N, C-alpha and C. Protein backbone atom coordinates (compact mmCIF):
# COMPACT_ATOMS: atom_id res chain seq x y z
N MET A 1 12.28 6.29 2.74
CA MET A 1 11.75 6.16 4.07
C MET A 1 10.22 6.05 4.06
N PHE A 2 9.57 6.87 3.24
CA PHE A 2 8.10 6.83 3.17
C PHE A 2 7.60 5.48 2.69
N LEU A 3 8.24 4.93 1.65
CA LEU A 3 7.79 3.64 1.12
C LEU A 3 7.94 2.53 2.15
N LYS A 4 9.00 2.53 2.91
CA LYS A 4 9.16 1.54 3.99
C LYS A 4 8.02 1.67 5.00
N GLU A 5 7.67 2.90 5.32
CA GLU A 5 6.57 3.17 6.25
C GLU A 5 5.27 2.60 5.71
N VAL A 6 4.99 2.86 4.43
CA VAL A 6 3.76 2.38 3.80
C VAL A 6 3.71 0.85 3.79
N LEU A 7 4.78 0.22 3.34
CA LEU A 7 4.78 -1.23 3.19
C LEU A 7 4.81 -1.95 4.53
N SER A 8 5.07 -1.25 5.60
CA SER A 8 4.99 -1.86 6.93
C SER A 8 3.55 -1.92 7.42
N LYS A 9 2.63 -1.32 6.68
CA LYS A 9 1.21 -1.28 7.04
C LYS A 9 0.38 -2.26 6.22
N VAL A 10 0.95 -3.39 5.85
CA VAL A 10 0.26 -4.35 4.99
C VAL A 10 -0.99 -4.91 5.66
N THR A 11 -1.92 -5.35 4.83
CA THR A 11 -3.14 -5.99 5.32
C THR A 11 -3.14 -7.45 4.90
N LYS A 12 -4.02 -8.25 5.48
CA LYS A 12 -4.13 -9.66 5.10
C LYS A 12 -4.59 -9.82 3.66
N GLU A 13 -5.43 -8.92 3.19
CA GLU A 13 -5.97 -9.00 1.83
C GLU A 13 -4.89 -8.74 0.77
N TYR A 14 -3.98 -7.82 1.06
CA TYR A 14 -2.92 -7.45 0.11
C TYR A 14 -1.58 -7.40 0.85
N PRO A 15 -1.03 -8.56 1.17
CA PRO A 15 0.16 -8.59 2.04
C PRO A 15 1.43 -8.03 1.41
N TYR A 16 1.46 -7.82 0.10
CA TYR A 16 2.68 -7.32 -0.55
C TYR A 16 2.52 -5.91 -1.11
N ARG A 17 1.37 -5.31 -0.94
CA ARG A 17 1.07 -4.04 -1.59
C ARG A 17 0.99 -2.86 -0.65
N GLY A 18 0.74 -3.08 0.59
CA GLY A 18 0.48 -1.98 1.51
C GLY A 18 -1.00 -1.62 1.48
N PRO A 19 -1.41 -0.63 2.22
CA PRO A 19 -2.82 -0.25 2.26
C PRO A 19 -3.28 0.37 0.94
N MET A 20 -4.58 0.42 0.72
CA MET A 20 -5.11 1.02 -0.51
C MET A 20 -4.77 2.51 -0.59
N VAL A 21 -4.86 3.20 0.53
CA VAL A 21 -4.49 4.63 0.59
C VAL A 21 -3.77 4.87 1.91
N TYR A 22 -2.68 5.57 1.83
CA TYR A 22 -1.93 5.93 3.04
C TYR A 22 -1.35 7.32 2.84
N GLN A 23 -1.41 8.13 3.87
CA GLN A 23 -0.90 9.50 3.75
C GLN A 23 -0.21 9.90 5.05
N ASN A 24 0.92 10.57 4.92
CA ASN A 24 1.52 11.23 6.08
C ASN A 24 1.54 12.72 5.79
N GLU A 25 2.35 13.47 6.47
CA GLU A 25 2.31 14.93 6.32
C GLU A 25 2.69 15.41 4.92
N ASP A 26 3.64 14.72 4.26
CA ASP A 26 4.17 15.21 2.99
C ASP A 26 3.78 14.39 1.77
N TYR A 27 3.44 13.11 1.94
CA TYR A 27 3.24 12.22 0.80
C TYR A 27 1.94 11.45 0.93
N LYS A 28 1.46 10.97 -0.23
CA LYS A 28 0.26 10.15 -0.27
C LYS A 28 0.52 8.94 -1.17
N TYR A 29 0.12 7.75 -0.73
CA TYR A 29 0.34 6.50 -1.45
C TYR A 29 -1.02 5.92 -1.84
N HIS A 30 -1.17 5.54 -3.10
CA HIS A 30 -2.38 4.86 -3.58
C HIS A 30 -1.97 3.52 -4.16
N CYS A 31 -2.68 2.49 -3.80
CA CYS A 31 -2.44 1.16 -4.37
C CYS A 31 -3.66 0.83 -5.23
N ILE A 32 -3.44 0.65 -6.53
CA ILE A 32 -4.52 0.33 -7.45
C ILE A 32 -4.26 -1.06 -8.01
N VAL A 33 -5.17 -1.99 -7.75
CA VAL A 33 -5.01 -3.37 -8.19
C VAL A 33 -6.06 -3.66 -9.24
N GLU A 34 -5.63 -4.13 -10.40
CA GLU A 34 -6.54 -4.51 -11.48
C GLU A 34 -6.25 -5.95 -11.87
N GLY A 35 -7.30 -6.73 -12.09
CA GLY A 35 -7.11 -8.12 -12.50
C GLY A 35 -6.81 -9.01 -11.32
N GLY A 36 -6.39 -10.22 -11.64
CA GLY A 36 -6.09 -11.19 -10.60
C GLY A 36 -5.15 -12.25 -11.13
N PHE A 37 -4.79 -13.17 -10.28
CA PHE A 37 -3.93 -14.27 -10.69
C PHE A 37 -4.77 -15.39 -11.28
N GLU A 38 -4.41 -15.84 -12.44
CA GLU A 38 -5.17 -16.91 -13.09
C GLU A 38 -4.23 -17.97 -13.59
């Protein structure tokens, strides 16, 4: 349930990753992106 909540908060910059940091009462989500598509 938490992951669905996080991924529903996508941004234009990272449409498949969710926000860089998201937290609710019990859990915290961090998205760390390294590198790029080449």
